[in-house]
Amino acid sequence: MFESTSKRYMTRMVAETIHIEIQNILWGLIDEQRQKNLKLDYLQVFELEAKKGKQYIIHKQEVPESKLKWCFQLKDTTPINQTLWCIDSETHQTMLLPSDY
């Protein structure tokens, strides 16, 4: 899953509420896992938390079970508290908020 990066989309709510810097970080974390040849589930879950001026991210999936933690100092926006999903439907990938589902 998440093999091709050519057809990536986002819902309108993501486009309107999630800064492009954060979107790029999340897609980058998926790409990093693919470059390490790790098996990715069709659903990638990102839990974002703003703490001490930094963006903390928990990146999870169910099959195979995985949970990674990241911390970023954002340059162009402020950290947020939000959960986002990235879903691979084999023909394209979509970034969405759980409420978009």
N, C-alpha and C. Protein backbone atom coordinates (compact mmCIF):
# COMPACT_ATOMS: atom_id res chain seq x y z
N MET A 1 0.83 -1.18 0.00
CA MET A 1 0.00 0.00 0.00
C MET A 1 0.88 1.25 0.00
N PHE A 2 0.31 2.33 -0.47
CA PHE A 2 0.98 3.63 -0.55
C PHE A 2 2.24 3.56 -1.43
N GLU A 3 2.15 2.76 -2.50
CA GLU A 3 3.30 2.59 -3.38
C GLU A 3 3.50 3.79 -4.30
N SER A 4 2.43 4.31 -4.87
CA SER A 4 2.54 5.42 -5.81
C SER A 4 2.23 6.74 -5.11
N THR A 5 2.96 7.77 -5.47
CA THR A 5 2.70 9.09 -4.90
C THR A 5 2.06 10.02 -5.91
N SER A 6 1.68 9.50 -7.08
CA SER A 6 1.20 10.37 -8.15
C SER A 6 -0.25 10.83 -7.99
N LYS A 7 -1.07 10.07 -7.27
CA LYS A 7 -2.48 10.45 -7.12
C LYS A 7 -2.82 10.58 -5.65
N ARG A 8 -2.45 11.74 -5.10
CA ARG A 8 -2.73 12.03 -3.70
C ARG A 8 -3.72 13.19 -3.63
N TYR A 9 -4.74 12.99 -2.81
CA TYR A 9 -5.79 13.97 -2.69
C TYR A 9 -6.06 14.26 -1.22
N MET A 10 -6.87 15.28 -0.98
CA MET A 10 -7.31 15.60 0.37
C MET A 10 -8.75 16.08 0.30
N THR A 11 -9.45 15.94 1.39
CA THR A 11 -10.81 16.45 1.44
C THR A 11 -10.78 17.97 1.54
N ARG A 12 -11.91 18.57 1.28
CA ARG A 12 -12.02 20.03 1.37
C ARG A 12 -11.69 20.52 2.78
N MET A 13 -12.15 19.78 3.80
CA MET A 13 -11.87 20.19 5.18
C MET A 13 -10.38 20.17 5.50
N VAL A 14 -9.67 19.18 5.00
CA VAL A 14 -8.22 19.16 5.20
C VAL A 14 -7.59 20.35 4.50
N ALA A 15 -7.99 20.61 3.27
CA ALA A 15 -7.43 21.74 2.52
C ALA A 15 -7.69 23.07 3.22
N GLU A 16 -8.84 23.19 3.86
CA GLU A 16 -9.21 24.45 4.49
C GLU A 16 -8.68 24.60 5.91
N THR A 17 -8.37 23.50 6.60
CA THR A 17 -8.03 23.62 8.02
C THR A 17 -6.62 23.14 8.40
N ILE A 18 -5.97 22.38 7.53
CA ILE A 18 -4.64 21.84 7.86
C ILE A 18 -3.60 22.50 6.96
N HIS A 19 -2.66 23.18 7.57
CA HIS A 19 -1.63 23.91 6.83
C HIS A 19 -0.83 22.94 5.94
N ILE A 20 -0.42 23.42 4.79
CA ILE A 20 0.32 22.60 3.82
C ILE A 20 1.61 22.04 4.43
N GLU A 21 2.23 22.77 5.32
CA GLU A 21 3.45 22.27 5.96
C GLU A 21 3.17 20.97 6.72
N ILE A 22 2.05 20.94 7.44
CA ILE A 22 1.68 19.74 8.18
C ILE A 22 1.29 18.61 7.22
N GLN A 23 0.54 18.94 6.18
CA GLN A 23 0.17 17.93 5.18
C GLN A 23 1.43 17.28 4.60
N ASN A 24 2.40 18.10 4.24
CA ASN A 24 3.64 17.58 3.65
C ASN A 24 4.42 16.71 4.63
N ILE A 25 4.42 17.07 5.90
CA ILE A 25 5.09 16.24 6.90
C ILE A 25 4.44 14.87 6.96
N LEU A 26 3.10 14.83 6.98
CA LEU A 26 2.40 13.54 7.09
C LEU A 26 2.65 12.66 5.87
N TRP A 27 2.54 13.23 4.67
CA TRP A 27 2.85 12.43 3.47
C TRP A 27 4.32 11.98 3.52
N GLY A 28 5.19 12.84 4.01
CA GLY A 28 6.61 12.49 4.11
C GLY A 28 6.87 11.33 5.05
N LEU A 29 6.10 11.27 6.15
CA LEU A 29 6.26 10.16 7.08
C LEU A 29 5.85 8.84 6.44
N ILE A 30 4.80 8.87 5.63
CA ILE A 30 4.39 7.67 4.89
C ILE A 30 5.49 7.28 3.90
N ASP A 31 5.98 8.27 3.15
CA ASP A 31 7.03 7.99 2.17
C ASP A 31 8.29 7.42 2.83
N GLU A 32 8.62 7.93 3.99
CA GLU A 32 9.79 7.43 4.71
C GLU A 32 9.63 5.96 5.08
N GLN A 33 8.44 5.58 5.49
CA GLN A 33 8.18 4.17 5.81
C GLN A 33 8.30 3.29 4.56
N ARG A 34 7.80 3.79 3.44
CA ARG A 34 7.90 3.04 2.18
C ARG A 34 9.36 2.88 1.76
N GLN A 35 10.15 3.94 1.92
CA GLN A 35 11.57 3.86 1.55
C GLN A 35 12.32 2.83 2.39
N LYS A 36 11.84 2.60 3.60
CA LYS A 36 12.44 1.59 4.48
C LYS A 36 11.86 0.21 4.19
N ASN A 37 11.02 0.11 3.15
CA ASN A 37 10.38 -1.13 2.73
C ASN A 37 9.53 -1.77 3.83
N LEU A 38 8.93 -0.93 4.66
CA LEU A 38 8.03 -1.43 5.69
C LEU A 38 6.64 -1.61 5.09
N LYS A 39 5.93 -2.63 5.55
CA LYS A 39 4.59 -2.90 5.05
C LYS A 39 3.62 -1.90 5.67
N LEU A 40 2.85 -1.23 4.82
CA LEU A 40 1.89 -0.25 5.29
C LEU A 40 0.47 -0.74 5.09
N ASP A 41 -0.35 -0.51 6.09
CA ASP A 41 -1.78 -0.80 6.04
C ASP A 41 -2.46 0.24 5.14
N TYR A 42 -3.66 -0.07 4.67
CA TYR A 42 -4.39 0.87 3.82
C TYR A 42 -4.79 2.13 4.59
N LEU A 43 -4.84 2.05 5.93
CA LEU A 43 -5.22 3.19 6.76
C LEU A 43 -4.06 3.59 7.66
N GLN A 44 -3.59 4.82 7.47
CA GLN A 44 -2.56 5.39 8.33
C GLN A 44 -3.23 6.45 9.20
N VAL A 45 -3.00 6.37 10.50
CA VAL A 45 -3.63 7.28 11.45
C VAL A 45 -2.56 8.18 12.05
N PHE A 46 -2.84 9.48 12.04
CA PHE A 46 -1.93 10.46 12.61
C PHE A 46 -2.65 11.24 13.70
N GLU A 47 -2.13 11.16 14.92
CA GLU A 47 -2.68 11.93 16.03
C GLU A 47 -1.70 13.06 16.30
N LEU A 48 -2.15 14.29 16.08
CA LEU A 48 -1.31 15.46 16.23
C LEU A 48 -1.63 16.17 17.54
N GLU A 49 -0.58 16.58 18.24
CA GLU A 49 -0.76 17.30 19.49
C GLU A 49 0.25 18.45 19.57
N ALA A 50 -0.25 19.61 19.95
CA ALA A 50 0.60 20.78 20.14
C ALA A 50 1.09 20.79 21.59
N LYS A 51 2.42 20.76 21.76
CA LYS A 51 3.00 20.82 23.09
C LYS A 51 4.26 21.66 23.06
N LYS A 52 4.32 22.63 23.94
CA LYS A 52 5.52 23.47 24.11
C LYS A 52 5.99 24.06 22.79
N GLY A 53 5.04 24.48 21.94
CA GLY A 53 5.38 25.12 20.67
C GLY A 53 5.85 24.17 19.59
N LYS A 54 5.77 22.87 19.83
CA LYS A 54 6.19 21.87 18.83
C LYS A 54 5.02 21.00 18.43
N GLN A 55 5.14 20.40 17.25
CA GLN A 55 4.11 19.49 16.74
C GLN A 55 4.53 18.07 17.04
N TYR A 56 3.79 17.42 17.93
CA TYR A 56 4.02 16.02 18.23
C TYR A 56 3.05 15.19 17.39
N ILE A 57 3.56 14.10 16.83
CA ILE A 57 2.75 13.25 15.96
C ILE A 57 2.92 11.80 16.37
N ILE A 58 1.80 11.13 16.56
CA ILE A 58 1.81 9.67 16.73
C ILE A 58 1.27 9.09 15.44
N HIS A 59 2.05 8.24 14.80
CA HIS A 59 1.72 7.63 13.51
C HIS A 59 1.43 6.16 13.76
N LYS A 60 0.17 5.75 13.51
CA LYS A 60 -0.23 4.37 13.83
C LYS A 60 -0.85 3.67 12.62
N GLN A 61 -0.81 2.34 12.70
CA GLN A 61 -1.55 1.49 11.77
C GLN A 61 -1.85 0.20 12.50
N GLU A 62 -2.83 -0.55 11.97
CA GLU A 62 -3.26 -1.79 12.64
C GLU A 62 -2.57 -3.04 12.12
N VAL A 63 -2.37 -3.15 10.77
CA VAL A 63 -1.83 -4.39 10.20
C VAL A 63 -0.67 -4.06 9.25
N PRO A 64 0.56 -4.47 9.55
CA PRO A 64 0.97 -4.97 10.84
C PRO A 64 0.95 -3.82 11.85
N GLU A 65 0.73 -4.16 13.09
CA GLU A 65 0.61 -3.14 14.13
C GLU A 65 1.90 -2.35 14.25
N SER A 66 1.74 -1.03 14.28
CA SER A 66 2.89 -0.15 14.36
C SER A 66 2.47 1.16 15.01
N LYS A 67 3.39 1.73 15.78
CA LYS A 67 3.13 3.02 16.42
C LYS A 67 4.47 3.74 16.53
N LEU A 68 4.57 4.86 15.83
CA LEU A 68 5.80 5.66 15.83
C LEU A 68 5.48 7.04 16.37
N LYS A 69 6.45 7.64 17.05
CA LYS A 69 6.26 8.98 17.61
C LYS A 69 7.27 9.93 17.01
N TRP A 70 6.80 11.14 16.69
CA TRP A 70 7.63 12.14 16.05
C TRP A 70 7.42 13.49 16.72
N CYS A 71 8.42 14.36 16.60
CA CYS A 71 8.32 15.73 17.10
C CYS A 71 8.94 16.65 16.06
N PHE A 72 8.21 17.70 15.68
CA PHE A 72 8.68 18.64 14.67
C PHE A 72 8.57 20.07 15.18
N GLN A 73 9.55 20.87 14.83
CA GLN A 73 9.48 22.31 15.04
C GLN A 73 8.99 22.89 13.71
N LEU A 74 7.76 23.38 13.69
CA LEU A 74 7.18 23.91 12.46
C LEU A 74 7.76 25.27 12.14
N LYS A 75 7.90 25.57 10.85
CA LYS A 75 8.49 26.83 10.41
C LYS A 75 7.44 27.84 9.95
N ASP A 76 6.37 27.36 9.31
CA ASP A 76 5.44 28.27 8.66
C ASP A 76 4.05 28.33 9.29
N THR A 77 3.81 27.56 10.33
CA THR A 77 2.49 27.54 10.97
C THR A 77 2.65 27.16 12.43
N THR A 78 1.56 27.18 13.15
CA THR A 78 1.59 26.80 14.56
C THR A 78 1.10 25.36 14.72
N PRO A 79 1.57 24.67 15.74
CA PRO A 79 1.13 23.29 15.98
C PRO A 79 -0.37 23.23 16.26
N ILE A 80 -0.95 22.07 15.97
CA ILE A 80 -2.39 21.87 16.15
C ILE A 80 -2.68 20.57 16.90
N ASN A 81 -3.89 20.47 17.39
CA ASN A 81 -4.39 19.23 17.98
C ASN A 81 -5.45 18.70 17.02
N GLN A 82 -5.17 17.54 16.42
CA GLN A 82 -6.08 17.01 15.40
C GLN A 82 -5.71 15.57 15.09
N THR A 83 -6.67 14.80 14.65
CA THR A 83 -6.41 13.46 14.13
C THR A 83 -6.70 13.48 12.64
N LEU A 84 -5.80 12.90 11.87
CA LEU A 84 -5.98 12.79 10.42
C LEU A 84 -5.76 11.35 10.01
N TRP A 85 -6.42 10.99 8.93
CA TRP A 85 -6.25 9.67 8.33
C TRP A 85 -5.73 9.84 6.91
N CYS A 86 -4.94 8.88 6.48
CA CYS A 86 -4.57 8.75 5.07
C CYS A 86 -4.99 7.35 4.65
N ILE A 87 -5.80 7.28 3.60
CA ILE A 87 -6.34 6.01 3.13
C ILE A 87 -5.84 5.75 1.71
N ASP A 88 -5.34 4.52 1.50
CA ASP A 88 -4.91 4.10 0.17
C ASP A 88 -5.99 3.17 -0.40
N SER A 89 -6.59 3.59 -1.51
CA SER A 89 -7.63 2.77 -2.13
C SER A 89 -7.09 2.04 -3.37
N GLU A 90 -5.77 1.96 -3.49
CA GLU A 90 -5.03 1.31 -4.57
C GLU A 90 -4.97 2.15 -5.84
N THR A 91 -6.00 2.91 -6.16
CA THR A 91 -5.95 3.79 -7.34
C THR A 91 -5.52 5.20 -6.97
N HIS A 92 -5.73 5.57 -5.69
CA HIS A 92 -5.34 6.90 -5.22
C HIS A 92 -5.26 6.89 -3.69
N GLN A 93 -4.71 7.96 -3.16
CA GLN A 93 -4.57 8.11 -1.71
C GLN A 93 -5.27 9.39 -1.29
N THR A 94 -5.94 9.35 -0.14
CA THR A 94 -6.70 10.50 0.32
C THR A 94 -6.35 10.80 1.77
N MET A 95 -6.10 12.09 2.05
CA MET A 95 -5.92 12.56 3.41
C MET A 95 -7.26 13.16 3.85
N LEU A 96 -7.75 12.73 5.02
CA LEU A 96 -9.03 13.21 5.48
C LEU A 96 -9.08 13.30 6.99
N LEU A 97 -10.04 14.05 7.48
CA LEU A 97 -10.34 14.09 8.90
C LEU A 97 -11.31 12.95 9.19
N PRO A 98 -11.27 12.36 10.37
CA PRO A 98 -12.23 11.29 10.67
C PRO A 98 -13.69 11.73 10.45
N SER A 99 -13.99 12.99 10.69
CA SER A 99 -15.36 13.48 10.48
C SER A 99 -15.74 13.53 9.01
N ASP A 100 -14.76 13.47 8.10
CA ASP A 100 -15.04 13.45 6.65
C ASP A 100 -15.51 12.09 6.18
N TYR A 101 -15.26 11.05 6.97
CA TYR A 101 -15.55 9.69 6.58
C TYR A 101 -16.99 9.41 6.71
